[in-house]
Amino acid sequence: MIAEEKINEAISTNEKAFLENLRTIMQIPSVKGSSEKVAAEKDLDIDFSEV
């Protein structure tokens, strides 16, 4: 029973770490993608192929 509790605790810890990492990843925009979005919103004619 103690081993099962330790396994469940480890799984819970991993799930929390995974969700925290996922939240962090979702908050980091792609620099190229966000630049293209800004250019599109402002109707700027910028070639991003060389960036």
PDB file of N, CA and C in Angstrom:
ATOM      1  N   MET A   1       0.826  -1.204   0.000  1.00  0.00           N
ATOM      2  CA  MET A   1       0.000   0.000   0.000  1.00  0.00           C
ATOM      3  C   MET A   1       0.864   1.259   0.000  1.00  0.00           C
ATOM      4  N   ILE A   2       1.963   1.237   0.730  1.00  0.00           N
ATOM      5  CA  ILE A   2       2.845   2.406   0.786  1.00  0.00           C
ATOM      6  C   ILE A   2       3.456   2.667  -0.591  1.00  0.00           C
ATOM      7  N   ALA A   3       3.852   1.614  -1.291  1.00  0.00           N
ATOM      8  CA  ALA A   3       4.437   1.770  -2.630  1.00  0.00           C
ATOM      9  C   ALA A   3       3.425   2.397  -3.579  1.00  0.00           C
ATOM     10  N   GLU A   4       2.174   1.966  -3.485  1.00  0.00           N
ATOM     11  CA  GLU A   4       1.121   2.517  -4.346  1.00  0.00           C
ATOM     12  C   GLU A   4       0.919   4.009  -4.069  1.00  0.00           C
ATOM     13  N   GLU A   5       0.968   4.384  -2.805  1.00  0.00           N
ATOM     14  CA  GLU A   5       0.820   5.802  -2.441  1.00  0.00           C
ATOM     15  C   GLU A   5       1.972   6.629  -3.004  1.00  0.00           C
ATOM     16  N   LYS A   6       3.185   6.080  -2.933  1.00  0.00           N
ATOM     17  CA  LYS A   6       4.351   6.799  -3.467  1.00  0.00           C
ATOM     18  C   LYS A   6       4.253   6.947  -4.983  1.00  0.00           C
ATOM     19  N   ILE A   7       3.773   5.907  -5.645  1.00  0.00           N
ATOM     20  CA  ILE A   7       3.593   5.973  -7.104  1.00  0.00           C
ATOM     21  C   ILE A   7       2.557   7.035  -7.450  1.00  0.00           C
ATOM     22  N   ASN A   8       1.445   7.038  -6.743  1.00  0.00           N
ATOM     23  CA  ASN A   8       0.396   8.028  -6.995  1.00  0.00           C
ATOM     24  C   ASN A   8       0.894   9.442  -6.732  1.00  0.00           C
ATOM     25  N   GLU A   9       1.711   9.608  -5.706  1.00  0.00           N
ATOM     26  CA  GLU A   9       2.282  10.922  -5.392  1.00  0.00           C
ATOM     27  C   GLU A   9       3.232  11.373  -6.509  1.00  0.00           C
ATOM     28  N   ALA A  10       4.033  10.449  -7.020  1.00  0.00           N
ATOM     29  CA  ALA A  10       4.961  10.776  -8.110  1.00  0.00           C
ATOM     30  C   ALA A  10       4.195  11.150  -9.374  1.00  0.00           C
ATOM     31  N   ILE A  11       3.129  10.420  -9.668  1.00  0.00           N
ATOM     32  CA  ILE A  11       2.306  10.735 -10.846  1.00  0.00           C
ATOM     33  C   ILE A  11       1.689  12.115 -10.689  1.00  0.00           C
ATOM     34  N   SER A  12       1.183  12.413  -9.507  1.00  0.00           N
ATOM     35  CA  SER A  12       0.577  13.719  -9.250  1.00  0.00           C
ATOM     36  C   SER A  12       1.594  14.844  -9.430  1.00  0.00           C
ATOM     37  N   THR A  13       2.804  14.625  -8.929  1.00  0.00           N
ATOM     38  CA  THR A  13       3.874  15.626  -9.063  1.00  0.00           C
ATOM     39  C   THR A  13       4.225  15.837 -10.533  1.00  0.00           C
ATOM     40  N   ASN A  14       4.311  14.747 -11.293  1.00  0.00           N
ATOM     41  CA  ASN A  14       4.615  14.844 -12.726  1.00  0.00           C
ATOM     42  C   ASN A  14       3.508  15.571 -13.478  1.00  0.00           C
ATOM     43  N   GLU A  15       2.256  15.303 -13.114  1.00  0.00           N
ATOM     44  CA  GLU A  15       1.129  15.973 -13.768  1.00  0.00           C
ATOM     45  C   GLU A  15       1.177  17.472 -13.500  1.00  0.00           C
ATOM     46  N   LYS A  16       1.485  17.846 -12.262  1.00  0.00           N
ATOM     47  CA  LYS A  16       1.571  19.273 -11.912  1.00  0.00           C
ATOM     48  C   LYS A  16       2.696  19.950 -12.688  1.00  0.00           C
ATOM     49  N   ALA A  17       3.842  19.292 -12.786  1.00  0.00           N
ATOM     50  CA  ALA A  17       4.981  19.850 -13.522  1.00  0.00           C
ATOM     51  C   ALA A  17       4.643  19.974 -15.004  1.00  0.00           C
ATOM     52  N   PHE A  18       3.982  18.960 -15.555  1.00  0.00           N
ATOM     53  CA  PHE A  18       3.588  18.995 -16.961  1.00  0.00           C
ATOM     54  C   PHE A  18       2.658  20.171 -17.233  1.00  0.00           C
ATOM     55  N   LEU A  19       1.650  20.348 -16.388  1.00  0.00           N
ATOM     56  CA  LEU A  19       0.693  21.438 -16.590  1.00  0.00           C
ATOM     57  C   LEU A  19       1.363  22.803 -16.443  1.00  0.00           C
ATOM     58  N   GLU A  20       2.281  22.912 -15.498  1.00  0.00           N
ATOM     59  CA  GLU A  20       3.004  24.174 -15.318  1.00  0.00           C
ATOM     60  C   GLU A  20       3.863  24.479 -16.550  1.00  0.00           C
ATOM     61  N   ASN A  21       4.543  23.458 -17.073  1.00  0.00           N
ATOM     62  CA  ASN A  21       5.357  23.642 -18.282  1.00  0.00           C
ATOM     63  C   ASN A  21       4.488  24.009 -19.473  1.00  0.00           C
ATOM     64  N   LEU A  22       3.332  23.377 -19.583  1.00  0.00           N
ATOM     65  CA  LEU A  22       2.419  23.665 -20.687  1.00  0.00           C
ATOM     66  C   LEU A  22       1.932  25.112 -20.617  1.00  0.00           C
ATOM     67  N   ARG A  23       1.592  25.574 -19.421  1.00  0.00           N
ATOM     68  CA  ARG A  23       1.163  26.970 -19.253  1.00  0.00           C
ATOM     69  C   ARG A  23       2.272  27.922 -19.686  1.00  0.00           C
ATOM     70  N   THR A  24       3.502  27.608 -19.314  1.00  0.00           N
ATOM     71  CA  THR A  24       4.644  28.451 -19.685  1.00  0.00           C
ATOM     72  C   THR A  24       4.817  28.481 -21.198  1.00  0.00           C
ATOM     73  N   ILE A  25       4.753  27.310 -21.829  1.00  0.00           N
ATOM     74  CA  ILE A  25       4.912  27.230 -23.281  1.00  0.00           C
ATOM     75  C   ILE A  25       3.826  28.031 -23.991  1.00  0.00           C
ATOM     76  N   MET A  26       2.599  27.936 -23.512  1.00  0.00           N
ATOM     77  CA  MET A  26       1.483  28.629 -24.159  1.00  0.00           C
ATOM     78  C   MET A  26       1.628  30.144 -24.059  1.00  0.00           C
ATOM     79  N   GLN A  27       2.395  30.632 -23.088  1.00  0.00           N
ATOM     80  CA  GLN A  27       2.557  32.071 -22.890  1.00  0.00           C
ATOM     81  C   GLN A  27       3.698  32.649 -23.714  1.00  0.00           C
ATOM     82  N   ILE A  28       4.529  31.809 -24.330  1.00  0.00           N
ATOM     83  CA  ILE A  28       5.679  32.292 -25.101  1.00  0.00           C
ATOM     84  C   ILE A  28       5.306  32.312 -26.580  1.00  0.00           C
ATOM     85  N   PRO A  29       5.112  33.503 -27.154  1.00  0.00           N
ATOM     86  CA  PRO A  29       4.745  33.562 -28.573  1.00  0.00           C
ATOM     87  C   PRO A  29       5.961  33.311 -29.463  1.00  0.00           C
ATOM     88  N   SER A  30       5.715  32.841 -30.630  1.00  0.00           N
ATOM     89  CA  SER A  30       6.779  32.695 -31.621  1.00  0.00           C
ATOM     90  C   SER A  30       7.134  34.088 -32.112  1.00  0.00           C
ATOM     91  N   VAL A  31       8.402  34.437 -32.093  1.00  0.00           N
ATOM     92  CA  VAL A  31       8.822  35.787 -32.490  1.00  0.00           C
ATOM     93  C   VAL A  31       8.448  36.041 -33.948  1.00  0.00           C
ATOM     94  N   LYS A  32       8.762  35.091 -34.818  1.00  0.00           N
ATOM     95  CA  LYS A  32       8.447  35.259 -36.240  1.00  0.00           C
ATOM     96  C   LYS A  32       6.933  35.340 -36.433  1.00  0.00           C
ATOM     97  N   GLY A  33       6.213  34.454 -35.785  1.00  0.00           N
ATOM     98  CA  GLY A  33       4.758  34.444 -35.924  1.00  0.00           C
ATOM     99  C   GLY A  33       4.124  35.725 -35.436  1.00  0.00           C
ATOM    100  N   SER A  34       4.571  36.236 -34.294  1.00  0.00           N
ATOM    101  CA  SER A  34       3.968  37.452 -33.764  1.00  0.00           C
ATOM    102  C   SER A  34       4.328  38.651 -34.626  1.00  0.00           C
ATOM    103  N   SER A  35       5.529  38.668 -35.214  1.00  0.00           N
ATOM    104  CA  SER A  35       5.924  39.770 -36.094  1.00  0.00           C
ATOM    105  C   SER A  35       5.070  39.773 -37.351  1.00  0.00           C
ATOM    106  N   GLU A  36       4.821  38.580 -37.882  1.00  0.00           N
ATOM    107  CA  GLU A  36       3.979  38.482 -39.076  1.00  0.00           C
ATOM    108  C   GLU A  36       2.563  38.944 -38.767  1.00  0.00           C
ATOM    109  N   LYS A  37       2.086  38.599 -37.572  1.00  0.00           N
ATOM    110  CA  LYS A  37       0.735  38.999 -37.183  1.00  0.00           C
ATOM    111  C   LYS A  37       0.642  40.520 -37.069  1.00  0.00           C
ATOM    112  N   VAL A  38       1.626  41.141 -36.446  1.00  0.00           N
ATOM    113  CA  VAL A  38       1.644  42.601 -36.300  1.00  0.00           C
ATOM    114  C   VAL A  38       1.687  43.262 -37.671  1.00  0.00           C
ATOM    115  N   ALA A  39       2.519  42.740 -38.555  1.00  0.00           N
ATOM    116  CA  ALA A  39       2.627  43.305 -39.903  1.00  0.00           C
ATOM    117  C   ALA A  39       1.298  43.171 -40.645  1.00  0.00           C
ATOM    118  N   ALA A  40       0.646  42.034 -40.487  1.00  0.00           N
ATOM    119  CA  ALA A  40      -0.636  41.814 -41.159  1.00  0.00           C
ATOM    120  C   ALA A  40      -1.695  42.768 -40.617  1.00  0.00           C
ATOM    121  N   GLU A  41      -1.692  42.981 -39.294  1.00  0.00           N
ATOM    122  CA  GLU A  41      -2.668  43.884 -38.685  1.00  0.00           C
ATOM    123  C   GLU A  41      -2.459  45.318 -39.149  1.00  0.00           C
ATOM    124  N   LYS A  42      -1.214  45.678 -39.403  1.00  0.00           N
ATOM    125  CA  LYS A  42      -0.907  47.057 -39.803  1.00  0.00           C
ATOM    126  C   LYS A  42      -0.823  47.199 -41.321  1.00  0.00           C
ATOM    127  N   ASP A  43      -1.099  46.109 -42.052  1.00  0.00           N
ATOM    128  CA  ASP A  43      -1.005  46.104 -43.515  1.00  0.00           C
ATOM    129  C   ASP A  43       0.368  46.558 -43.999  1.00  0.00           C
ATOM    130  N   LEU A  44       1.407  46.094 -43.344  1.00  0.00           N
ATOM    131  CA  LEU A  44       2.768  46.438 -43.751  1.00  0.00           C
ATOM    132  C   LEU A  44       3.253  45.417 -44.769  1.00  0.00           C
ATOM    133  N   ASP A  45       4.003  45.860 -45.730  1.00  0.00           N
ATOM    134  CA  ASP A  45       4.555  44.961 -46.740  1.00  0.00           C
ATOM    135  C   ASP A  45       5.986  44.617 -46.341  1.00  0.00           C
ATOM    136  N   ILE A  46       6.125  43.572 -45.520  1.00  0.00           N
ATOM    137  CA  ILE A  46       7.436  43.174 -45.018  1.00  0.00           C
ATOM    138  C   ILE A  46       7.690  41.726 -45.428  1.00  0.00           C
ATOM    139  N   ASP A  47       8.874  41.472 -45.962  1.00  0.00           N
ATOM    140  CA  ASP A  47       9.251  40.123 -46.366  1.00  0.00           C
ATOM    141  C   ASP A  47       9.942  39.432 -45.195  1.00  0.00           C
ATOM    142  N   PHE A  48       9.278  38.438 -44.615  1.00  0.00           N
ATOM    143  CA  PHE A  48       9.830  37.742 -43.456  1.00  0.00           C
ATOM    144  C   PHE A  48      10.653  36.525 -43.853  1.00  0.00           C
ATOM    145  N   SER A  49      10.791  36.259 -45.139  1.00  0.00           N
ATOM    146  CA  SER A  49      11.505  35.061 -45.574  1.00  0.00           C
ATOM    147  C   SER A  49      12.992  35.121 -45.245  1.00  0.00           C
ATOM    148  N   GLU A  50      13.540  36.316 -45.075  1.00  0.00           N
ATOM    149  CA  GLU A  50      14.966  36.450 -44.779  1.00  0.00           C
ATOM    150  C   GLU A  50      15.242  36.613 -43.290  1.00  0.00           C
ATOM    151  N   VAL A  51      14.207  36.617 -42.482  1.00  0.00           N
ATOM    152  CA  VAL A  51      14.375  36.823 -41.038  1.00  0.00           C
ATOM    153  C   VAL A  51      14.791  35.527 -40.402  1.00  0.00           C
TER     154      VAL A  51
END
